Amino acid sequence: MFCTNCGASNNNGGDLCVNCGESLRSSQIEDKLSRLRGLDGASSSNKFGFLHPLVDFSFHRPVTVKMMKFLYLLSILCASLMALFFVLLGFQTSWWLGLFALLIWAPAVFLLIVIFSRMFLEIILVVFRTADHKVDARVANVKEKPEPREGIQWNV
């Protein structure tokens, strides 16, 4: 087993590195990797909730699922208002046009807006999840990649 701190070779059953004294326990190694990823509990307990990514100028945290739910609800509300506008405009013009807008045009516009906004938000979520997966894979590759033997100082 190699030390994650200095790269020295150690016995598989050892708890501490023979070279630098760093802990070799897997739980502490995972804790160290989670701190490197920035996934510790301090960042998740935020008083801003889902609005925090909007005021995060460092762009370390992507838009959350809660924000997507809010945007989807907002798009449904806008689609409802637009359908209501078409119905009122139709009835103001004529009775037949108002009936056509109420039964056909307004539901079609509502459904199209909701479908397209849902598809757009799903695409955005896929992009964010893909980016998170690539970052996690990069961190995992750093963990699993052994250090070359030439750079190890052997203590024999």
Protein backbone atom coordinates (compact mmCIF):
# COMPACT_ATOMS: atom_id res chain seq x y z
CA MET A 1 0.00 0.00 0.00
CA PHE A 2 1.27 3.45 -0.91
CA CYS A 3 0.80 6.54 1.26
CA THR A 4 -1.46 9.17 -0.27
CA ASN A 5 0.59 11.93 1.35
CA CYS A 6 4.22 11.07 0.50
CA GLY A 7 3.95 8.00 -1.78
CA ALA A 8 6.06 5.72 0.43
CA SER A 9 5.44 1.98 0.34
CA ASN A 10 3.92 0.52 3.53
CA ASN A 11 2.76 -2.86 4.81
CA ASN A 12 -0.86 -3.65 3.94
CA GLY A 13 -1.87 -4.03 7.59
CA GLY A 14 -0.29 -0.82 8.85
CA ASP A 15 -2.31 2.10 10.20
CA LEU A 16 0.36 4.81 9.79
CA CYS A 17 2.87 5.60 7.06
CA VAL A 18 6.42 4.57 7.98
CA ASN A 19 7.83 7.65 6.25
CA CYS A 20 5.58 10.60 7.17
CA GLY A 21 3.18 9.21 9.82
CA GLU A 22 0.01 9.91 7.78
CA SER A 23 -2.96 7.65 8.51
CA LEU A 24 -3.50 4.83 6.02
CA ARG A 25 -7.10 4.04 7.00
CA SER A 26 -9.51 4.03 4.06
CA SER A 27 -12.10 6.12 5.94
CA GLN A 28 -9.62 8.95 6.43
CA ILE A 29 -8.51 8.68 2.80
CA GLU A 30 -12.15 8.99 1.69
CA ASP A 31 -12.58 11.97 4.01
CA LYS A 32 -9.54 13.60 2.47
CA LEU A 33 -10.89 13.00 -1.05
CA SER A 34 -14.31 14.42 -0.12
CA ARG A 35 -12.62 17.56 1.20
CA LEU A 36 -10.74 17.83 -2.08
CA ARG A 37 -14.01 17.54 -4.01
CA GLY A 38 -15.60 20.23 -1.85
CA LEU A 39 -18.47 17.97 -0.83
CA ASP A 40 -18.20 18.37 2.92
CA GLY A 41 -21.32 19.10 4.94
CA ALA A 42 -20.61 22.79 5.50
CA SER A 43 -21.48 23.77 1.94
CA SER A 44 -24.77 21.86 1.89
CA SER A 45 -26.19 23.53 5.00
CA ASN A 46 -26.75 26.96 3.56
CA LYS A 47 -29.36 29.46 4.65
CA PHE A 48 -29.98 30.62 1.07
CA GLY A 49 -31.27 27.22 -0.04
CA PHE A 50 -31.90 26.92 -3.74
CA LEU A 51 -31.14 30.61 -4.40
CA HIS A 52 -27.48 30.24 -3.39
CA PRO A 53 -26.23 29.30 -6.90
CA LEU A 54 -27.58 32.62 -8.16
CA VAL A 55 -25.37 34.62 -5.80
CA ASP A 56 -22.35 32.29 -6.00
CA PHE A 57 -19.96 34.32 -8.16
CA SER A 58 -17.23 31.67 -7.92
CA PHE A 59 -19.36 29.21 -9.95
CA HIS A 60 -18.26 26.27 -7.81
CA ARG A 61 -21.81 25.01 -7.27
CA PRO A 62 -24.01 24.35 -10.29
CA VAL A 63 -27.70 25.12 -10.46
CA THR A 64 -29.50 22.70 -8.20
CA VAL A 65 -32.50 20.49 -8.83
CA LYS A 66 -34.56 22.73 -6.53
CA MET A 67 -33.83 25.65 -8.83
CA MET A 68 -34.96 23.57 -11.81
CA LYS A 69 -38.21 22.73 -10.02
CA PHE A 70 -38.79 26.41 -9.37
CA LEU A 71 -38.11 27.31 -13.01
CA TYR A 72 -40.45 24.56 -14.20
CA LEU A 73 -43.20 25.82 -11.91
CA LEU A 74 -42.60 29.33 -13.22
CA SER A 75 -42.85 28.13 -16.83
CA ILE A 76 -46.16 26.39 -16.06
CA LEU A 77 -47.46 29.62 -14.54
CA CYS A 78 -46.36 31.63 -17.60
CA ALA A 79 -47.96 29.08 -19.94
CA SER A 80 -51.22 29.32 -17.99
CA LEU A 81 -51.21 33.11 -18.18
CA MET A 82 -50.47 33.04 -21.90
CA ALA A 83 -53.32 30.56 -22.54
CA LEU A 84 -55.68 32.75 -20.50
CA PHE A 85 -54.56 35.77 -22.53
CA PHE A 86 -55.40 33.97 -25.79
CA VAL A 87 -58.85 32.99 -24.48
CA LEU A 88 -59.64 36.54 -23.33
CA LEU A 89 -58.37 38.02 -26.59
CA GLY A 90 -60.47 35.54 -28.56
CA PHE A 91 -63.66 36.32 -26.63
CA GLN A 92 -63.01 40.04 -26.98
CA THR A 93 -62.76 39.67 -30.77
CA SER A 94 -65.74 37.37 -31.33
CA TRP A 95 -67.69 34.64 -29.63
CA TRP A 96 -66.61 31.94 -32.13
CA LEU A 97 -62.95 32.89 -31.95
CA GLY A 98 -63.16 32.88 -28.15
CA LEU A 99 -64.68 29.39 -28.17
CA PHE A 100 -61.97 28.20 -30.61
CA ALA A 101 -59.26 29.68 -28.37
CA LEU A 102 -60.80 28.12 -25.25
CA LEU A 103 -61.16 24.61 -26.68
CA ILE A 104 -58.24 24.27 -29.10
CA TRP A 105 -55.72 27.13 -29.27
CA ALA A 106 -55.12 27.81 -25.54
CA PRO A 107 -54.62 24.12 -24.52
CA ALA A 108 -52.29 23.59 -27.49
CA VAL A 109 -50.20 26.64 -26.61
CA PHE A 110 -50.12 25.62 -22.93
CA LEU A 111 -48.97 22.07 -23.72
CA LEU A 112 -46.30 23.22 -26.19
CA ILE A 113 -44.82 25.73 -23.77
CA VAL A 114 -44.79 23.20 -20.92
CA ILE A 115 -43.27 20.45 -23.08
CA PHE A 116 -40.52 22.68 -24.48
CA SER A 117 -39.66 24.18 -21.10
CA ARG A 118 -39.49 20.70 -19.55
CA MET A 119 -37.21 19.46 -22.34
CA PHE A 120 -34.98 22.52 -22.02
CA LEU A 121 -34.64 22.11 -18.24
CA GLU A 122 -33.94 18.36 -18.60
CA ILE A 123 -31.15 19.11 -21.08
CA ILE A 124 -29.63 21.61 -18.67
CA LEU A 125 -29.75 19.02 -15.86
CA VAL A 126 -28.07 16.42 -18.08
CA VAL A 127 -25.27 18.87 -18.86
CA PHE A 128 -24.72 19.63 -15.17
CA ARG A 129 -24.80 15.96 -14.16
CA THR A 130 -22.35 15.09 -16.95
CA ALA A 131 -19.98 17.80 -15.76
CA ASP A 132 -20.26 16.54 -12.15
CA HIS A 133 -19.62 12.98 -13.32
CA LYS A 134 -16.49 14.06 -15.20
CA VAL A 135 -15.17 15.85 -12.11
CA ASP A 136 -15.90 12.80 -9.93
CA ALA A 137 -14.20 10.51 -12.46
CA ARG A 138 -11.16 12.79 -12.53
CA VAL A 139 -10.92 12.70 -8.73
CA ALA A 140 -11.36 8.90 -8.73
CA ASN A 141 -8.58 8.53 -11.31
CA VAL A 142 -6.28 10.55 -9.09
CA LYS A 143 -7.08 8.22 -6.21
CA GLU A 144 -6.57 4.97 -8.14
CA LYS A 145 -3.54 6.02 -10.17
CA PRO A 146 -0.42 4.63 -8.48
CA GLU A 147 2.64 6.80 -8.28
CA PRO A 148 5.56 5.70 -10.47
CA ARG A 149 8.16 3.65 -8.61
CA GLU A 150 10.99 5.97 -9.63
CA GLY A 151 9.57 8.82 -7.51
CA ILE A 152 9.24 6.69 -4.33
CA GLN A 153 11.86 6.93 -1.66
CA TRP A 154 12.42 3.42 -0.33
CA ASN A 155 13.11 3.12 3.38
CA VAL A 156 14.89 -0.21 3.79
